[in-house]
Amino acid sequence: MGKIAIFAEKPSQARAYAEAYKIKQKQKTFIEIEPCSTFPEGAIITWAVGHLVELKEPKEYQKEWEKWSLGSLPIIPQKNLKIKLSLKCIHNLMQ
C-alpha cells in the first residue's frame, strides 16, 4: 500500500502527532515515522501553513450574493467547505 501521509494544519501540530511514534527523520517540510503496528510501512507527517479548508465566497453559494447589499444580510451559507491548498502544502507534498 505504501506510506501513509498525515496532514497537519501547522508545524507544531505535526510535531505533536509525531511524538506518539518513533521518529525516523525530521526534515524542514516533513517528519517521517518508523514502521509500527499502526503504520506497518511507516508514515510521513507534513503540514500546511494556515487552514486547509475555508468557507466558499458568497457568490459560490448563490449568484445573487456576488454583489450583496445590506438587505441581503445575513448571508447564511450551506455547511460545505472548499479545500484550500496553499503553495506551501503542495510543496510539502512534493518533497
N, C-alpha and C. Protein backbone atom coordinates (compact mmCIF):
# COMPACT_ATOMS: atom_id res chain seq x y z
N MET A 1 0.82 -1.19 0.00
CA MET A 1 0.00 0.00 0.00
C MET A 1 0.87 1.25 0.00
N GLY A 2 2.02 1.23 0.60
CA GLY A 2 2.87 2.41 0.66
C GLY A 2 2.68 3.18 1.95
N LYS A 3 3.46 4.20 2.09
CA LYS A 3 3.41 5.00 3.31
C LYS A 3 2.15 5.86 3.35
N ILE A 4 1.69 6.07 4.54
CA ILE A 4 0.53 6.92 4.79
C ILE A 4 1.02 8.36 4.93
N ALA A 5 0.26 9.31 4.37
CA ALA A 5 0.55 10.74 4.53
C ALA A 5 -0.44 11.30 5.55
N ILE A 6 0.08 11.99 6.55
CA ILE A 6 -0.74 12.62 7.57
C ILE A 6 -0.55 14.12 7.43
N PHE A 7 -1.65 14.85 7.27
CA PHE A 7 -1.59 16.30 7.07
C PHE A 7 -1.99 17.01 8.35
N ALA A 8 -1.13 17.90 8.80
CA ALA A 8 -1.43 18.73 9.95
C ALA A 8 -1.62 20.17 9.47
N GLU A 9 -2.30 20.95 10.29
CA GLU A 9 -2.58 22.33 9.91
C GLU A 9 -1.39 23.25 10.13
N LYS A 10 -0.48 22.86 11.03
CA LYS A 10 0.68 23.70 11.32
C LYS A 10 1.81 22.82 11.84
N PRO A 11 3.04 23.31 11.80
CA PRO A 11 4.19 22.51 12.22
C PRO A 11 4.10 21.99 13.66
N SER A 12 3.61 22.80 14.59
CA SER A 12 3.53 22.34 15.99
C SER A 12 2.56 21.16 16.13
N GLN A 13 1.50 21.16 15.35
CA GLN A 13 0.56 20.05 15.38
C GLN A 13 1.22 18.79 14.84
N ALA A 14 2.00 18.92 13.78
CA ALA A 14 2.72 17.78 13.21
C ALA A 14 3.71 17.21 14.23
N ARG A 15 4.42 18.07 14.92
CA ARG A 15 5.37 17.61 15.95
C ARG A 15 4.63 16.87 17.06
N ALA A 16 3.46 17.38 17.45
CA ALA A 16 2.67 16.72 18.49
C ALA A 16 2.24 15.32 18.04
N TYR A 17 1.81 15.19 16.80
CA TYR A 17 1.45 13.87 16.27
C TYR A 17 2.65 12.93 16.30
N ALA A 18 3.79 13.43 15.86
CA ALA A 18 4.99 12.61 15.74
C ALA A 18 5.50 12.12 17.10
N GLU A 19 5.24 12.87 18.16
CA GLU A 19 5.71 12.48 19.49
C GLU A 19 5.16 11.13 19.93
N ALA A 20 4.06 10.70 19.36
CA ALA A 20 3.45 9.42 19.73
C ALA A 20 4.16 8.23 19.08
N TYR A 21 5.09 8.48 18.20
CA TYR A 21 5.75 7.43 17.44
C TYR A 21 7.26 7.60 17.47
N LYS A 22 7.96 6.56 17.03
CA LYS A 22 9.42 6.64 16.90
C LYS A 22 9.74 7.37 15.60
N ILE A 23 10.49 8.44 15.69
CA ILE A 23 10.79 9.28 14.53
C ILE A 23 12.00 8.72 13.79
N LYS A 24 11.85 8.52 12.50
CA LYS A 24 12.94 8.06 11.65
C LYS A 24 13.81 9.23 11.22
N GLN A 25 13.15 10.33 10.79
CA GLN A 25 13.89 11.53 10.39
C GLN A 25 12.99 12.75 10.43
N LYS A 26 13.62 13.88 10.68
CA LYS A 26 12.91 15.16 10.63
C LYS A 26 13.56 15.99 9.53
N GLN A 27 12.73 16.54 8.67
CA GLN A 27 13.19 17.42 7.61
C GLN A 27 12.49 18.76 7.76
N LYS A 28 12.84 19.69 6.92
CA LYS A 28 12.24 21.02 7.00
C LYS A 28 10.74 21.00 6.70
N THR A 29 10.32 20.10 5.83
CA THR A 29 8.92 20.10 5.40
C THR A 29 8.12 18.85 5.80
N PHE A 30 8.74 17.90 6.50
CA PHE A 30 8.02 16.71 6.92
C PHE A 30 8.76 15.99 8.04
N ILE A 31 8.02 15.09 8.70
CA ILE A 31 8.59 14.19 9.70
C ILE A 31 8.23 12.78 9.27
N GLU A 32 9.21 11.92 9.23
CA GLU A 32 8.97 10.53 8.86
C GLU A 32 9.00 9.68 10.12
N ILE A 33 7.98 8.83 10.28
CA ILE A 33 7.97 7.95 11.45
C ILE A 33 8.28 6.52 11.03
N GLU A 34 8.90 5.79 11.96
CA GLU A 34 9.30 4.40 11.72
C GLU A 34 8.07 3.51 11.56
N PRO A 35 8.22 2.39 10.85
CA PRO A 35 7.12 1.43 10.80
C PRO A 35 6.75 0.98 12.22
N CYS A 36 5.47 0.76 12.43
CA CYS A 36 4.97 0.34 13.74
C CYS A 36 3.66 -0.41 13.53
N SER A 37 3.01 -0.80 14.62
CA SER A 37 1.76 -1.55 14.47
C SER A 37 0.65 -0.70 13.83
N THR A 38 0.66 0.60 14.07
CA THR A 38 -0.35 1.48 13.48
C THR A 38 -0.07 1.73 12.01
N PHE A 39 1.20 1.95 11.68
CA PHE A 39 1.63 2.23 10.31
C PHE A 39 2.73 1.23 9.94
N PRO A 40 2.37 0.02 9.48
CA PRO A 40 3.36 -1.02 9.20
C PRO A 40 4.45 -0.62 8.20
N GLU A 41 4.16 0.31 7.33
CA GLU A 41 5.16 0.76 6.36
C GLU A 41 5.71 2.14 6.71
N GLY A 42 5.41 2.63 7.90
CA GLY A 42 5.82 3.96 8.29
C GLY A 42 4.82 4.99 7.79
N ALA A 43 5.10 6.24 8.09
CA ALA A 43 4.22 7.32 7.65
C ALA A 43 5.01 8.61 7.53
N ILE A 44 4.48 9.51 6.76
CA ILE A 44 5.05 10.85 6.59
C ILE A 44 4.04 11.85 7.15
N ILE A 45 4.50 12.70 8.03
CA ILE A 45 3.64 13.76 8.57
C ILE A 45 4.12 15.07 7.98
N THR A 46 3.24 15.79 7.33
CA THR A 46 3.58 17.08 6.74
C THR A 46 2.53 18.10 7.17
N TRP A 47 2.74 19.33 6.83
CA TRP A 47 1.84 20.38 7.30
C TRP A 47 1.69 21.48 6.28
N ALA A 48 0.65 22.23 6.46
CA ALA A 48 0.42 23.45 5.68
C ALA A 48 0.68 24.62 6.63
N VAL A 49 0.59 25.79 6.12
CA VAL A 49 0.66 26.99 6.95
C VAL A 49 -0.70 27.64 6.82
N GLY A 50 -1.49 27.56 7.86
CA GLY A 50 -2.85 28.08 7.82
C GLY A 50 -3.85 26.96 7.64
N HIS A 51 -5.08 27.35 7.49
CA HIS A 51 -6.18 26.39 7.41
C HIS A 51 -6.18 25.63 6.09
N LEU A 52 -6.59 24.38 6.16
CA LEU A 52 -6.65 23.53 4.98
C LEU A 52 -7.97 23.66 4.25
N VAL A 53 -9.00 24.09 4.95
CA VAL A 53 -10.31 24.31 4.33
C VAL A 53 -10.82 25.68 4.73
N GLU A 54 -11.71 26.21 3.94
CA GLU A 54 -12.29 27.52 4.22
C GLU A 54 -13.71 27.56 3.67
N LEU A 55 -14.48 28.53 4.10
CA LEU A 55 -15.80 28.73 3.52
C LEU A 55 -15.66 29.22 2.08
N LYS A 56 -16.63 28.90 1.27
CA LYS A 56 -16.65 29.42 -0.09
C LYS A 56 -17.01 30.90 -0.05
N GLU A 57 -16.70 31.61 -1.12
CA GLU A 57 -17.12 33.00 -1.26
C GLU A 57 -18.64 33.02 -1.39
N PRO A 58 -19.31 34.07 -0.91
CA PRO A 58 -20.78 34.11 -1.01
C PRO A 58 -21.31 33.83 -2.42
N LYS A 59 -20.65 34.36 -3.45
CA LYS A 59 -21.12 34.16 -4.82
C LYS A 59 -21.04 32.70 -5.26
N GLU A 60 -20.23 31.88 -4.57
CA GLU A 60 -20.14 30.47 -4.90
C GLU A 60 -21.34 29.68 -4.36
N TYR A 61 -22.06 30.25 -3.42
CA TYR A 61 -23.28 29.63 -2.90
C TYR A 61 -24.49 30.04 -3.74
N GLN A 62 -24.61 31.37 -3.96
CA GLN A 62 -25.73 31.88 -4.74
C GLN A 62 -25.25 33.04 -5.60
N LYS A 63 -25.58 32.98 -6.88
CA LYS A 63 -25.14 34.02 -7.83
C LYS A 63 -25.54 35.42 -7.37
N GLU A 64 -26.74 35.54 -6.79
CA GLU A 64 -27.21 36.86 -6.37
C GLU A 64 -26.40 37.44 -5.20
N TRP A 65 -25.58 36.64 -4.55
CA TRP A 65 -24.74 37.13 -3.45
C TRP A 65 -23.42 37.71 -3.94
N GLU A 66 -23.20 37.70 -5.27
CA GLU A 66 -21.95 38.25 -5.81
C GLU A 66 -21.80 39.72 -5.43
N LYS A 67 -22.86 40.48 -5.56
CA LYS A 67 -22.88 41.88 -5.13
C LYS A 67 -23.99 42.00 -4.08
N TRP A 68 -23.60 41.84 -2.86
CA TRP A 68 -24.62 41.84 -1.81
C TRP A 68 -24.88 43.26 -1.32
N SER A 69 -26.02 43.39 -0.69
CA SER A 69 -26.41 44.67 -0.12
C SER A 69 -26.83 44.43 1.34
N LEU A 70 -27.02 45.49 2.05
CA LEU A 70 -27.43 45.38 3.44
C LEU A 70 -28.73 44.58 3.56
N GLY A 71 -29.59 44.71 2.57
CA GLY A 71 -30.85 43.99 2.58
C GLY A 71 -30.71 42.49 2.43
N SER A 72 -29.59 42.02 1.89
CA SER A 72 -29.40 40.58 1.71
C SER A 72 -28.77 39.91 2.93
N LEU A 73 -28.44 40.71 3.93
CA LEU A 73 -27.83 40.16 5.15
C LEU A 73 -28.91 39.62 6.08
N PRO A 74 -28.68 38.62 6.86
CA PRO A 74 -27.41 37.90 6.96
C PRO A 74 -27.26 36.88 5.83
N ILE A 75 -26.04 36.66 5.41
CA ILE A 75 -25.74 35.61 4.45
C ILE A 75 -25.40 34.37 5.27
N ILE A 76 -26.23 33.36 5.16
CA ILE A 76 -26.02 32.12 5.91
C ILE A 76 -25.75 31.01 4.90
N PRO A 77 -24.49 30.64 4.74
CA PRO A 77 -24.15 29.63 3.73
C PRO A 77 -24.51 28.22 4.18
N GLN A 78 -24.55 27.34 3.20
CA GLN A 78 -24.71 25.92 3.49
C GLN A 78 -23.44 25.46 4.18
N LYS A 79 -23.47 24.28 4.75
CA LYS A 79 -22.32 23.79 5.51
C LYS A 79 -21.35 23.01 4.62
N ASN A 80 -20.95 23.56 3.53
CA ASN A 80 -19.93 22.88 2.74
C ASN A 80 -18.71 23.79 2.61
N LEU A 81 -17.57 23.17 2.63
CA LEU A 81 -16.30 23.89 2.61
C LEU A 81 -15.57 23.59 1.32
N LYS A 82 -14.59 24.41 1.01
CA LYS A 82 -13.72 24.09 -0.12
C LYS A 82 -12.31 23.90 0.42
N ILE A 83 -11.60 23.03 -0.22
CA ILE A 83 -10.23 22.75 0.19
C ILE A 83 -9.34 23.89 -0.26
N LYS A 84 -8.51 24.34 0.65
CA LYS A 84 -7.58 25.43 0.36
C LYS A 84 -6.17 24.87 0.43
N LEU A 85 -5.62 24.51 -0.69
CA LEU A 85 -4.26 24.01 -0.72
C LEU A 85 -3.32 25.16 -1.04
N SER A 86 -2.56 25.53 -0.07
CA SER A 86 -1.60 26.61 -0.30
C SER A 86 -0.42 26.06 -1.09
N LEU A 87 0.35 26.93 -1.67
CA LEU A 87 1.57 26.51 -2.36
C LEU A 87 2.50 25.80 -1.41
N LYS A 88 2.50 26.22 -0.14
CA LYS A 88 3.36 25.59 0.86
C LYS A 88 2.96 24.13 1.05
N CYS A 89 1.66 23.87 1.14
CA CYS A 89 1.18 22.50 1.32
C CYS A 89 1.56 21.63 0.12
N ILE A 90 1.37 22.15 -1.08
CA ILE A 90 1.72 21.40 -2.28
C ILE A 90 3.23 21.15 -2.31
N HIS A 91 4.00 22.16 -1.93
CA HIS A 91 5.47 21.98 -1.88
C HIS A 91 5.83 20.87 -0.90
N ASN A 92 5.19 20.85 0.26
CA ASN A 92 5.47 19.81 1.25
C ASN A 92 5.20 18.43 0.69
N LEU A 93 4.13 18.30 -0.07
CA LEU A 93 3.79 17.00 -0.64
C LEU A 93 4.81 16.55 -1.66
N MET A 94 5.41 17.46 -2.37
CA MET A 94 6.36 17.13 -3.43
C MET A 94 7.71 16.68 -2.87
N GLN A 95 7.99 17.03 -1.64
CA GLN A 95 9.29 16.69 -1.05
C GLN A 95 9.41 15.23 -0.73
